[in-house]
N, C-alpha and C. Protein backbone atom coordinates (compact mmCIF):
# COMPACT_ATOMS: atom_id res chain seq x y z
N UNK A 1 -31.08 -49.18 13.10
CA UNK A 1 -31.17 -47.96 12.32
C UNK A 1 -30.26 -48.09 11.10
N UNK A 2 -30.61 -47.43 9.98
CA UNK A 2 -29.86 -47.51 8.73
C UNK A 2 -28.61 -46.65 8.72
N UNK A 3 -27.95 -46.65 7.58
CA UNK A 3 -26.74 -45.83 7.41
C UNK A 3 -27.09 -44.35 7.32
N UNK A 4 -26.18 -43.52 7.78
CA UNK A 4 -26.37 -42.08 7.74
C UNK A 4 -25.93 -41.54 6.37
N UNK A 5 -26.71 -40.65 5.80
CA UNK A 5 -26.40 -40.04 4.51
C UNK A 5 -26.27 -38.54 4.69
N UNK A 6 -25.17 -37.98 4.22
CA UNK A 6 -24.96 -36.53 4.27
C UNK A 6 -24.94 -35.98 2.86
N UNK A 7 -25.69 -34.93 2.61
CA UNK A 7 -25.70 -34.26 1.31
C UNK A 7 -25.14 -32.85 1.47
N UNK A 8 -24.30 -32.46 0.54
CA UNK A 8 -23.73 -31.11 0.54
C UNK A 8 -24.06 -30.47 -0.79
N UNK A 9 -24.65 -29.29 -0.74
CA UNK A 9 -24.97 -28.53 -1.93
C UNK A 9 -23.98 -27.38 -2.04
N UNK A 10 -23.31 -27.30 -3.18
CA UNK A 10 -22.30 -26.28 -3.39
C UNK A 10 -22.61 -25.56 -4.69
N UNK A 11 -22.50 -24.26 -4.69
CA UNK A 11 -22.73 -23.49 -5.90
C UNK A 11 -21.50 -22.63 -6.16
N UNK A 12 -21.09 -22.62 -7.42
CA UNK A 12 -19.92 -21.81 -7.78
C UNK A 12 -20.32 -20.35 -7.93
N UNK A 13 -19.35 -19.47 -7.92
CA UNK A 13 -19.59 -18.06 -8.12
C UNK A 13 -19.87 -17.75 -9.58
N UNK A 14 -20.31 -16.54 -9.84
CA UNK A 14 -20.63 -16.11 -11.20
C UNK A 14 -19.38 -16.06 -12.07
N UNK A 15 -19.48 -16.58 -13.29
CA UNK A 15 -18.39 -16.50 -14.26
C UNK A 15 -18.80 -15.54 -15.38
N UNK A 16 -17.83 -15.20 -16.21
CA UNK A 16 -18.12 -14.30 -17.33
C UNK A 16 -19.09 -14.95 -18.32
N UNK A 17 -19.01 -16.27 -18.49
CA UNK A 17 -19.96 -16.92 -19.39
C UNK A 17 -21.36 -16.90 -18.81
N UNK A 18 -21.50 -17.12 -17.49
CA UNK A 18 -22.82 -17.01 -16.86
C UNK A 18 -23.41 -15.63 -17.06
N UNK A 19 -22.57 -14.63 -16.83
CA UNK A 19 -23.02 -13.24 -16.92
C UNK A 19 -23.53 -12.90 -18.32
N UNK A 20 -22.90 -13.49 -19.34
CA UNK A 20 -23.28 -13.21 -20.73
C UNK A 20 -24.25 -14.25 -21.29
N UNK A 21 -24.87 -15.03 -20.38
CA UNK A 21 -25.87 -16.03 -20.75
C UNK A 21 -25.35 -17.05 -21.77
N UNK A 22 -24.09 -17.44 -21.60
CA UNK A 22 -23.47 -18.43 -22.48
C UNK A 22 -23.38 -19.76 -21.73
N UNK A 23 -23.52 -20.85 -22.48
CA UNK A 23 -23.41 -22.17 -21.88
C UNK A 23 -21.95 -22.46 -21.55
N UNK A 24 -21.74 -23.12 -20.42
CA UNK A 24 -20.38 -23.48 -20.06
C UNK A 24 -20.38 -24.88 -19.49
N UNK A 25 -19.21 -25.40 -19.26
CA UNK A 25 -19.08 -26.72 -18.69
C UNK A 25 -17.94 -27.50 -19.31
N UNK A 26 -17.46 -27.05 -20.46
CA UNK A 26 -16.37 -27.75 -21.13
C UNK A 26 -15.01 -27.36 -20.57
N UNK A 27 -14.90 -26.17 -20.07
CA UNK A 27 -13.62 -25.70 -19.53
C UNK A 27 -13.90 -24.68 -18.42
N UNK A 28 -12.92 -24.49 -17.57
CA UNK A 28 -13.06 -23.49 -16.51
C UNK A 28 -13.00 -22.09 -17.10
N UNK A 29 -13.84 -21.22 -16.59
CA UNK A 29 -13.82 -19.83 -17.02
C UNK A 29 -13.57 -18.95 -15.79
N UNK A 30 -12.97 -17.78 -15.99
CA UNK A 30 -12.67 -16.91 -14.85
C UNK A 30 -13.93 -16.41 -14.16
N UNK A 31 -13.82 -16.21 -12.86
CA UNK A 31 -14.92 -15.64 -12.09
C UNK A 31 -14.96 -14.13 -12.28
N UNK A 32 -16.15 -13.56 -12.25
CA UNK A 32 -16.32 -12.11 -12.25
C UNK A 32 -15.98 -11.60 -10.85
N UNK A 33 -15.81 -10.29 -10.69
CA UNK A 33 -15.59 -9.77 -9.33
C UNK A 33 -16.70 -10.17 -8.37
N UNK A 34 -17.94 -10.23 -8.86
CA UNK A 34 -19.07 -10.65 -8.02
C UNK A 34 -18.94 -12.12 -7.66
N UNK A 35 -18.40 -12.92 -8.57
CA UNK A 35 -18.22 -14.35 -8.30
C UNK A 35 -17.11 -14.63 -7.31
N UNK A 36 -16.16 -13.73 -7.23
CA UNK A 36 -15.05 -13.89 -6.29
C UNK A 36 -15.45 -13.44 -4.88
N UNK A 37 -16.36 -12.48 -4.82
CA UNK A 37 -16.76 -11.91 -3.53
C UNK A 37 -17.27 -13.00 -2.59
N UNK A 38 -16.78 -12.97 -1.36
CA UNK A 38 -17.21 -13.93 -0.35
C UNK A 38 -18.38 -13.35 0.42
N UNK A 39 -19.44 -14.11 0.50
CA UNK A 39 -20.64 -13.64 1.19
C UNK A 39 -20.60 -14.09 2.63
C-alpha cells in the first residue's frame, strides 16, 4: 500500500477588508466581530 496523505482545509474568519469587498493578502487585517465568533 502507498503512503498516507492527509489534507486539512482551513478558512480564516471575516476581516474588515473582506466585508468591504477589498482585496487583501499583503498584510494582516483585523477580524470583524463576526470573524472572531467561534462557531
